[in-house]
Amino acid sequence: MARSDQALDAGTGSGPATRSASDARRLLYVVNNPAFFLSHRLPIALAARDAGYEVHVATMAGAASADIVSHGLHHHEIPMSRSGKNPLQECATLFALWRLYRSLRPDVVHAVTIKPVLYGGIAARLAGVPSYVAAVSGLGFIFMRKRGGFDFLRWAALLLYRLALGHRNSRVIFQNTSDRDVLLEAGAVRQQQVELIRGSGVDLDHFAALPEPEGPVVAVMVARLLADKGVREFVEAARMASGRADRMRWMLAGSMDSGNPASISDQELQRWRDEGVVDYVGEQSDVAGLYARSHIAVLPSYREGLPKSLIEAAACGRAVVTTDVPGCRDAIEAGQTGLLVPPHDAAALASAVQRLADDAALRKQFGEEGRRLAERAFDVRQVVQRHLDLYDTLIAAAGATRKFEPSDLD
């Protein structure tokens, strides 16, 4: 039976309890946000459960934790801040992960997103976890900045990546080649660790390709309301197009993220709503239905791992306009499933969206090619199987040796 563990005792110092050889293989996901786990990793976790794994999930506190338990998975709450500005809180997160690993004794730890990858990887080495998987879904804002001279924060981040990804029996999953190359060139990963899996996959049955709706053209952006998602450029492009006679709609769907320093403020969002150039519809649980009511998918982000919203748009047969940056350009085939524009360029964004709005035949062509791309590269069943194969490979490599013999830090 699944359970939600708010904390695990550190023990008496005699080490974790012995596990019998008949125990099910134990898999632990470490993710920052429980809602993100549900939206991006649940199909893989459920497939692992059905394959005989005992599946555990460690996240920060959140309302979605109950949903994790409802799927028959074990949940553990880990103290984890969004900002990372308090050193004591960061140390508490690292210690909590180490203690959880030593108590739970997972066969495989699979960490997702930046902070779980960094802290989860260091803790896995200290605790002697036999197998470790890191999913690098983007490198963060530090790697978006223009380089000029010595960058201490970039240097420190790369040092943490080297420590976190140095596990002897591990794989590092990249969603695009740009992030892979950055960490390879920095010596943070070894070539034999690298796995390239383009995103978390899409359910091709749920995200079905439907004909475009009747009425004015709708361009929709589905993303958290963050500056580095390009939300301000989207609004500015909508302003530029506001005088068009065809009255096309610019729809913005997503939630605020007050814990993120890049979040749009409540006041700015209210000004946009008062201005009326974009139709803000909030966070949408039925994204497939949203695309069914739209014509063009837009994401002017500054950098991504591989944006889920764009692979879902492709599965729904919608033409895409996105930025020519790592992750975004990996989610489309430029000139075949969508158009690329420079980042930070609202005028280019407006022009590309208007080009598609004026050309129904081109939208249809891009949409059909996008669906074929989704079937070929983004099918969630393929993504799930690659993960299960990866877990099995690592467990076989670990064998019966070095099980929980901390630490493998050199």
Protein backbone atom coordinates (compact mmCIF):
# COMPACT_ATOMS: atom_id res chain seq x y z
CA MET A 1 0.00 0.00 0.00
CA ALA A 2 1.23 3.46 -0.84
CA ARG A 3 2.01 5.92 1.89
CA SER A 4 3.13 9.52 2.35
CA ASP A 5 6.23 9.75 4.56
CA GLN A 6 6.73 13.23 5.93
CA ALA A 7 10.15 12.34 7.31
CA LEU A 8 12.35 9.34 7.94
CA ASP A 9 14.32 8.80 11.11
CA ALA A 10 18.05 9.17 10.74
CA GLY A 11 18.56 5.92 12.62
CA THR A 12 20.82 5.09 15.53
CA GLY A 13 24.05 5.25 13.58
CA SER A 14 24.21 1.51 12.96
CA GLY A 15 23.29 1.95 9.28
CA PRO A 16 20.16 1.10 7.31
CA ALA A 17 18.24 -2.09 7.84
CA THR A 18 19.19 -5.09 5.73
CA ARG A 19 17.02 -5.79 2.71
CA SER A 20 16.30 -9.36 1.74
CA ALA A 21 17.17 -10.63 -1.73
CA SER A 22 13.46 -11.18 -2.43
CA ASP A 23 12.60 -7.50 -2.00
CA ALA A 24 11.23 -5.74 -5.08
CA ARG A 25 13.63 -3.47 -6.86
CA ARG A 26 13.25 -0.03 -5.32
CA LEU A 27 13.15 3.09 -7.49
CA LEU A 28 13.17 6.61 -6.05
CA TYR A 29 12.33 9.73 -8.06
CA VAL A 30 13.59 13.04 -6.68
CA VAL A 31 11.73 16.02 -8.14
CA ASN A 32 11.33 19.56 -6.85
CA ASN A 33 7.57 19.94 -7.29
CA PRO A 34 4.94 17.19 -6.92
CA ALA A 35 2.79 18.73 -9.67
CA PHE A 36 5.77 18.66 -12.04
CA PHE A 37 6.29 14.96 -11.29
CA LEU A 38 2.67 14.25 -12.18
CA SER A 39 2.80 16.22 -15.42
CA HIS A 40 6.22 15.07 -16.63
CA ARG A 41 7.18 11.70 -15.09
CA LEU A 42 4.03 9.89 -13.98
CA PRO A 43 3.73 7.56 -17.05
CA ILE A 44 7.30 6.35 -16.52
CA ALA A 45 6.73 5.78 -12.81
CA LEU A 46 3.49 3.86 -13.40
CA ALA A 47 5.18 1.68 -16.02
CA ALA A 48 8.00 0.96 -13.57
CA ARG A 49 5.45 0.05 -10.90
CA ASP A 50 3.71 -2.31 -13.32
CA ALA A 51 7.10 -3.84 -14.20
CA GLY A 52 7.59 -4.82 -10.56
CA TYR A 53 9.44 -1.85 -9.10
CA GLU A 54 8.53 -0.45 -5.71
CA VAL A 55 8.26 3.21 -6.68
CA HIS A 56 8.93 6.09 -4.31
CA VAL A 57 8.75 9.82 -5.02
CA ALA A 58 10.49 12.55 -3.00
CA THR A 59 9.37 16.15 -3.53
CA MET A 60 8.85 19.37 -1.63
CA ALA A 61 5.47 19.83 0.02
CA GLY A 62 2.51 20.46 -2.26
CA ALA A 63 -1.18 19.76 -2.75
CA ALA A 64 -0.38 17.29 -5.55
CA SER A 65 1.36 14.93 -3.12
CA ALA A 66 -1.96 13.24 -2.40
CA ASP A 67 -2.39 12.54 -6.11
CA ILE A 68 0.98 10.78 -6.16
CA VAL A 69 -0.14 8.49 -3.36
CA SER A 70 -3.48 7.87 -5.08
CA HIS A 71 -1.57 6.23 -7.95
CA GLY A 72 -0.16 3.59 -5.65
CA LEU A 73 3.22 5.27 -5.20
CA HIS A 74 5.06 6.10 -1.99
CA HIS A 75 5.65 9.77 -1.29
CA HIS A 76 8.32 11.43 0.87
CA GLU A 77 8.38 15.12 1.68
CA ILE A 78 11.77 16.81 1.43
CA PRO A 79 12.51 20.37 2.60
CA MET A 80 13.42 22.20 -0.58
CA SER A 81 13.31 25.94 -1.27
CA ARG A 82 12.70 27.49 -4.67
CA SER A 83 15.17 30.35 -4.37
CA GLY A 84 18.32 28.63 -3.11
CA LYS A 85 19.44 31.83 -1.33
CA ASN A 86 19.71 30.44 2.21
CA PRO A 87 22.79 28.23 2.68
CA LEU A 88 21.34 26.57 5.77
CA GLN A 89 18.20 25.56 3.87
CA GLU A 90 20.32 24.17 1.04
CA CYS A 91 22.38 22.11 3.48
CA ALA A 92 19.15 20.86 5.07
CA THR A 93 17.94 19.66 1.67
CA LEU A 94 21.19 17.82 0.99
CA PHE A 95 21.13 16.19 4.43
CA ALA A 96 17.46 15.20 4.10
CA LEU A 97 18.19 13.46 0.80
CA TRP A 98 21.21 11.65 2.23
CA ARG A 99 19.13 10.49 5.21
CA LEU A 100 16.30 9.34 2.96
CA TYR A 101 18.69 7.34 0.77
CA ARG A 102 20.30 5.66 3.77
CA SER A 103 16.92 4.75 5.25
CA LEU A 104 15.14 3.73 2.07
CA ARG A 105 18.06 2.01 0.30
CA PRO A 106 16.84 2.49 -3.29
CA ASP A 107 18.38 0.44 -6.08
CA VAL A 108 18.05 3.40 -8.44
CA VAL A 109 17.64 7.12 -7.79
CA HIS A 110 16.26 9.16 -10.70
CA ALA A 111 16.59 12.91 -10.13
CA VAL A 112 14.78 15.46 -12.30
CA THR A 113 15.30 19.26 -12.63
CA ILE A 114 18.31 21.27 -11.53
CA LYS A 115 18.29 21.25 -7.74
CA PRO A 116 17.31 17.56 -7.36
CA VAL A 117 19.99 16.63 -9.93
CA LEU A 118 22.70 18.57 -8.10
CA TYR A 119 21.84 17.77 -4.50
CA GLY A 120 20.40 14.37 -5.28
CA GLY A 121 23.57 13.36 -7.12
CA ILE A 122 25.93 14.49 -4.37
CA ALA A 123 23.80 12.78 -1.72
CA ALA A 124 23.66 9.59 -3.82
CA ARG A 125 27.45 9.41 -3.91
CA LEU A 126 27.77 10.11 -0.19
CA ALA A 127 25.11 7.52 0.70
CA GLY A 128 26.48 4.85 -1.63
CA VAL A 129 23.36 4.55 -3.79
CA PRO A 130 24.25 1.82 -6.33
CA SER A 131 22.68 3.44 -9.43
CA TYR A 132 21.89 7.04 -10.31
CA VAL A 133 20.00 8.67 -13.18
CA ALA A 134 20.06 12.44 -13.69
CA ALA A 135 17.55 14.05 -16.04
CA VAL A 136 18.95 17.41 -17.16
CA SER A 137 15.88 19.28 -18.36
CA GLY A 138 17.71 22.57 -18.91
CA LEU A 139 20.78 24.12 -17.28
CA GLY A 140 19.15 27.18 -15.73
CA PHE A 141 19.46 30.96 -16.01
CA ILE A 142 23.21 30.98 -15.29
CA PHE A 143 23.86 29.43 -18.67
CA MET A 144 21.59 31.90 -20.50
CA ARG A 145 23.74 34.91 -19.65
CA LYS A 146 26.26 36.41 -22.03
CA ARG A 147 29.78 35.45 -21.06
CA GLY A 148 32.36 38.11 -20.38
CA GLY A 149 35.45 37.25 -18.38
CA PHE A 150 35.36 34.98 -15.35
CA ASP A 151 31.82 34.05 -14.28
CA PHE A 152 31.92 32.82 -10.70
CA LEU A 153 28.33 31.55 -10.66
CA ARG A 154 28.86 29.54 -13.85
CA TRP A 155 32.12 28.14 -12.45
CA ALA A 156 30.38 27.17 -9.20
CA ALA A 157 27.48 25.56 -11.06
CA LEU A 158 29.83 23.49 -13.19
CA LEU A 159 31.70 22.39 -10.05
CA LEU A 160 28.42 21.19 -8.55
CA TYR A 161 27.54 19.37 -11.77
CA ARG A 162 30.92 17.59 -11.71
CA LEU A 163 30.32 16.45 -8.14
CA ALA A 164 26.70 15.46 -8.74
CA LEU A 165 27.25 13.61 -12.01
CA GLY A 166 30.44 11.80 -11.04
CA HIS A 167 28.67 8.62 -9.83
CA ARG A 168 30.47 5.55 -11.19
CA ASN A 169 27.26 3.73 -12.19
CA SER A 170 25.09 6.45 -13.64
CA ARG A 171 23.48 7.87 -16.73
CA VAL A 172 22.72 11.50 -17.54
CA ILE A 173 19.64 12.10 -19.70
CA PHE A 174 19.73 15.19 -21.89
CA GLN A 175 16.78 16.52 -23.84
CA ASN A 176 18.87 18.46 -26.34
CA THR A 177 22.38 18.37 -27.73
CA SER A 178 23.29 21.91 -26.60
CA ASP A 179 23.00 21.11 -22.88
CA ARG A 180 24.86 17.85 -23.48
CA ASP A 181 27.73 19.61 -25.21
CA VAL A 182 28.07 22.26 -22.48
CA LEU A 183 28.56 19.65 -19.76
CA LEU A 184 30.72 17.41 -21.91
CA GLU A 185 33.07 20.26 -22.79
CA ALA A 186 33.23 21.28 -19.12
CA GLY A 187 34.17 17.73 -18.11
CA ALA A 188 31.09 17.43 -15.92
CA VAL A 189 29.93 14.23 -17.64
CA ARG A 190 31.62 11.35 -19.40
CA GLN A 191 30.57 10.37 -22.91
CA GLN A 192 29.58 6.89 -21.76
CA GLN A 193 27.09 8.39 -19.31
CA VAL A 194 25.16 10.34 -21.93
CA GLU A 195 21.62 9.41 -22.98
CA LEU A 196 19.66 11.66 -25.35
CA ILE A 197 15.89 11.35 -24.81
CA ARG A 198 13.86 14.15 -26.37
CA GLY A 199 11.50 15.16 -23.59
CA SER A 200 9.10 13.27 -21.38
CA GLY A 201 6.93 12.07 -24.25
CA VAL A 202 3.34 12.68 -25.25
CA ASP A 203 0.25 10.46 -25.20
CA LEU A 204 -0.61 10.38 -28.89
CA ASP A 205 -4.12 9.10 -28.20
CA HIS A 206 -5.00 11.88 -25.77
CA PHE A 207 -3.28 14.62 -27.78
CA ALA A 208 -5.04 13.88 -31.05
CA ALA A 209 -4.71 15.82 -34.29
CA LEU A 210 -8.02 17.56 -34.93
CA PRO A 211 -9.07 20.00 -37.68
CA GLU A 212 -8.65 23.68 -36.93
CA PRO A 213 -11.68 25.37 -35.38
CA GLU A 214 -13.81 27.88 -37.26
CA GLY A 215 -13.55 31.58 -36.52
CA PRO A 216 -10.66 34.03 -35.99
CA VAL A 217 -7.14 32.61 -35.77
CA VAL A 218 -6.02 31.90 -32.20
CA ALA A 219 -2.32 31.94 -31.27
CA VAL A 220 -1.80 30.33 -27.86
CA MET A 221 1.16 30.32 -25.49
CA VAL A 222 1.14 27.59 -22.82
CA ALA A 223 3.78 28.23 -20.15
CA ARG A 224 4.41 29.39 -16.62
CA LEU A 225 4.32 33.18 -16.47
CA LEU A 226 8.08 33.70 -16.34
CA ALA A 227 10.14 36.37 -18.07
CA ASP A 228 12.56 33.76 -19.45
CA LYS A 229 9.67 31.90 -21.08
CA GLY A 230 9.30 34.99 -23.29
CA VAL A 231 5.91 35.95 -21.94
CA ARG A 232 6.64 39.69 -22.25
CA GLU A 233 7.64 39.23 -25.89
CA PHE A 234 4.39 37.36 -26.48
CA VAL A 235 2.36 40.23 -25.02
CA GLU A 236 4.35 42.82 -26.99
CA ALA A 237 3.84 40.85 -30.22
CA ALA A 238 0.11 40.81 -29.46
CA ARG A 239 0.20 44.61 -29.10
CA MET A 240 1.86 44.92 -32.49
CA ALA A 241 -0.85 42.77 -34.07
CA SER A 242 -3.75 44.42 -32.27
CA GLY A 243 -4.73 46.64 -35.19
CA ARG A 244 -5.26 43.78 -37.64
CA ALA A 245 -8.64 43.68 -39.30
CA ASP A 246 -8.98 39.90 -38.94
CA ARG A 247 -9.18 40.26 -35.12
CA MET A 248 -6.97 37.28 -34.42
CA ARG A 249 -6.72 36.33 -30.73
CA TRP A 250 -3.58 35.95 -28.64
CA MET A 251 -4.29 33.57 -25.78
CA LEU A 252 -2.00 33.14 -22.75
CA ALA A 253 -2.42 30.01 -20.61
CA GLY A 254 -0.32 29.37 -17.53
CA SER A 255 0.09 29.93 -13.82
CA MET A 256 2.03 32.41 -11.75
CA ASP A 257 5.18 31.12 -10.03
CA SER A 258 5.79 33.46 -7.13
CA GLY A 259 8.71 31.38 -5.83
CA ASN A 260 10.66 31.96 -9.04
CA PRO A 261 12.64 35.22 -9.32
CA ALA A 262 11.73 35.42 -13.02
CA SER A 263 8.00 35.37 -12.31
CA ILE A 264 5.73 38.03 -13.74
CA SER A 265 4.19 40.14 -10.98
CA ASP A 266 0.50 40.23 -10.16
CA GLN A 267 0.46 43.92 -11.04
CA GLU A 268 1.98 43.35 -14.48
CA LEU A 269 -0.46 40.55 -15.26
CA GLN A 270 -3.36 42.76 -14.20
CA ARG A 271 -2.17 45.54 -16.52
CA TRP A 272 -2.14 43.07 -19.42
CA ARG A 273 -5.66 41.93 -18.60
CA ASP A 274 -6.87 45.52 -18.36
CA GLU A 275 -5.20 46.36 -21.67
CA GLY A 276 -6.99 43.46 -23.36
CA VAL A 277 -4.43 42.64 -26.07
CA VAL A 278 -4.07 39.09 -24.74
CA ASP A 279 -6.75 36.76 -23.47
CA TYR A 280 -5.39 35.32 -20.20
CA VAL A 281 -7.15 32.03 -19.39
CA GLY A 282 -5.03 30.87 -16.44
CA GLU A 283 -3.61 27.42 -15.94
CA GLN A 284 -5.43 24.80 -18.03
CA SER A 285 -5.78 21.17 -17.04
CA ASP A 286 -7.01 20.20 -20.52
CA VAL A 287 -4.16 21.32 -22.76
CA ALA A 288 -5.29 19.04 -25.59
CA GLY A 289 -8.67 20.80 -25.54
CA LEU A 290 -6.92 24.17 -25.55
CA TYR A 291 -4.97 23.28 -28.70
CA ALA A 292 -8.17 21.96 -30.29
CA ARG A 293 -9.59 25.51 -29.92
CA SER A 294 -6.43 27.11 -31.32
CA HIS A 295 -4.54 27.42 -34.61
CA ILE A 296 -0.93 28.29 -33.73
CA ALA A 297 1.25 27.31 -30.75
CA VAL A 298 3.76 29.95 -29.61
CA LEU A 299 6.69 29.71 -27.18
CA PRO A 300 9.26 32.56 -27.30
CA SER A 301 11.42 31.09 -24.50
CA TYR A 302 15.07 32.04 -23.94
CA ARG A 303 16.24 28.43 -23.33
CA GLU A 304 14.59 25.09 -22.55
CA GLY A 305 15.39 21.43 -22.02
CA LEU A 306 12.72 20.33 -24.46
CA PRO A 307 9.38 22.10 -23.95
CA LYS A 308 6.47 19.77 -23.31
CA SER A 309 3.99 22.32 -24.60
CA LEU A 310 5.55 22.20 -28.08
CA ILE A 311 5.60 18.43 -28.40
CA GLU A 312 1.97 18.39 -27.28
CA ALA A 313 1.19 21.03 -29.91
CA ALA A 314 2.92 18.89 -32.56
CA ALA A 315 0.87 15.85 -31.52
CA CYS A 316 -2.28 17.96 -31.88
CA GLY A 317 -1.29 18.94 -35.41
CA ARG A 318 -0.69 22.61 -34.69
CA ALA A 319 1.87 24.80 -36.42
CA VAL A 320 4.49 26.26 -34.08
CA VAL A 321 6.35 29.55 -33.71
CA THR A 322 9.25 29.39 -31.26
CA THR A 323 12.71 30.77 -30.64
CA ASP A 324 15.98 29.62 -32.15
CA VAL A 325 17.48 28.57 -28.80
CA PRO A 326 18.49 25.22 -27.25
CA GLY A 327 15.47 23.06 -26.49
CA CYS A 328 12.93 25.06 -28.48
CA ARG A 329 14.60 24.44 -31.82
CA ASP A 330 14.98 20.76 -30.87
CA ALA A 331 11.19 20.44 -30.49
CA ILE A 332 10.41 21.35 -34.09
CA GLU A 333 11.74 20.87 -37.59
CA ALA A 334 12.29 24.42 -38.79
CA GLY A 335 10.44 25.22 -41.97
CA GLN A 336 8.57 21.91 -41.81
CA THR A 337 6.61 21.89 -38.55
CA GLY A 338 7.07 25.51 -37.51
CA LEU A 339 9.01 28.75 -37.68
CA LEU A 340 12.00 29.89 -35.64
CA VAL A 341 12.57 33.50 -34.55
CA PRO A 342 15.39 35.15 -32.56
CA PRO A 343 14.87 35.31 -28.78
CA HIS A 344 13.96 38.68 -27.19
CA ASP A 345 12.52 39.87 -30.53
CA ALA A 346 8.82 40.69 -30.28
CA ALA A 347 8.70 42.16 -33.80
CA ALA A 348 10.04 38.96 -35.38
CA LEU A 349 7.63 36.94 -33.26
CA ALA A 350 4.66 39.04 -34.38
CA SER A 351 5.73 38.75 -38.02
CA ALA A 352 6.07 34.95 -37.87
CA VAL A 353 2.72 34.48 -36.14
CA GLN A 354 1.02 36.79 -38.64
CA ARG A 355 2.58 34.86 -41.53
CA LEU A 356 0.97 31.66 -40.28
CA ALA A 357 -2.28 33.41 -39.42
CA ASP A 358 -2.52 34.59 -43.04
CA ASP A 359 -1.69 31.20 -44.60
CA ALA A 360 -4.11 28.41 -43.69
CA ALA A 361 -2.49 26.02 -46.18
CA LEU A 362 0.94 26.47 -44.59
CA ARG A 363 -0.53 25.96 -41.11
CA LYS A 364 -2.14 22.74 -42.27
CA GLN A 365 1.10 21.52 -43.84
CA PHE A 366 3.10 22.33 -40.71
CA GLY A 367 0.48 20.69 -38.50
CA GLU A 368 0.49 17.45 -40.47
CA GLU A 369 4.28 17.30 -40.41
CA GLY A 370 4.23 18.08 -36.69
CA ARG A 371 1.97 15.13 -36.01
CA ARG A 372 4.33 12.87 -37.96
CA LEU A 373 7.26 14.23 -35.94
CA ALA A 374 5.41 13.49 -32.69
CA GLU A 375 4.68 9.93 -33.80
CA ARG A 376 8.28 9.41 -34.81
CA ALA A 377 10.15 11.07 -31.95
CA PHE A 378 7.88 11.91 -29.00
CA ASP A 379 5.60 8.90 -28.41
CA VAL A 380 5.43 8.43 -24.64
CA ARG A 381 5.52 4.65 -25.03
CA GLN A 382 8.98 4.88 -26.58
CA VAL A 383 10.15 7.25 -23.85
CA VAL A 384 8.84 4.96 -21.12
CA GLN A 385 10.54 1.89 -22.55
CA ARG A 386 13.88 3.65 -22.85
CA HIS A 387 13.72 4.57 -19.16
CA LEU A 388 12.83 1.05 -18.07
CA ASP A 389 15.70 -0.35 -20.14
CA LEU A 390 18.01 2.19 -18.55
CA TYR A 391 17.00 1.22 -15.00
CA ASP A 392 17.49 -2.47 -15.78
CA THR A 393 20.92 -1.81 -17.31
CA LEU A 394 22.13 0.14 -14.28
CA ILE A 395 20.85 -2.42 -11.78
CA ALA A 396 22.53 -5.21 -13.71
CA ALA A 397 25.78 -3.22 -13.76
CA ALA A 398 25.59 -2.62 -10.01
CA GLY A 399 25.09 -6.32 -9.34
CA ALA A 400 25.68 -7.38 -5.77
CA THR A 401 28.82 -5.31 -5.29
CA ARG A 402 29.27 -1.91 -3.66
CA LYS A 403 25.65 -1.80 -2.50
CA PHE A 404 25.51 1.14 -0.12
CA GLU A 405 29.17 1.50 0.62
CA PRO A 406 29.48 5.26 1.07
CA SER A 407 31.11 7.13 -0.41
CA ASP A 408 32.23 6.99 -4.04
CA LEU A 409 33.44 10.57 -3.93
CA ASP A 410 37.00 10.58 -5.20
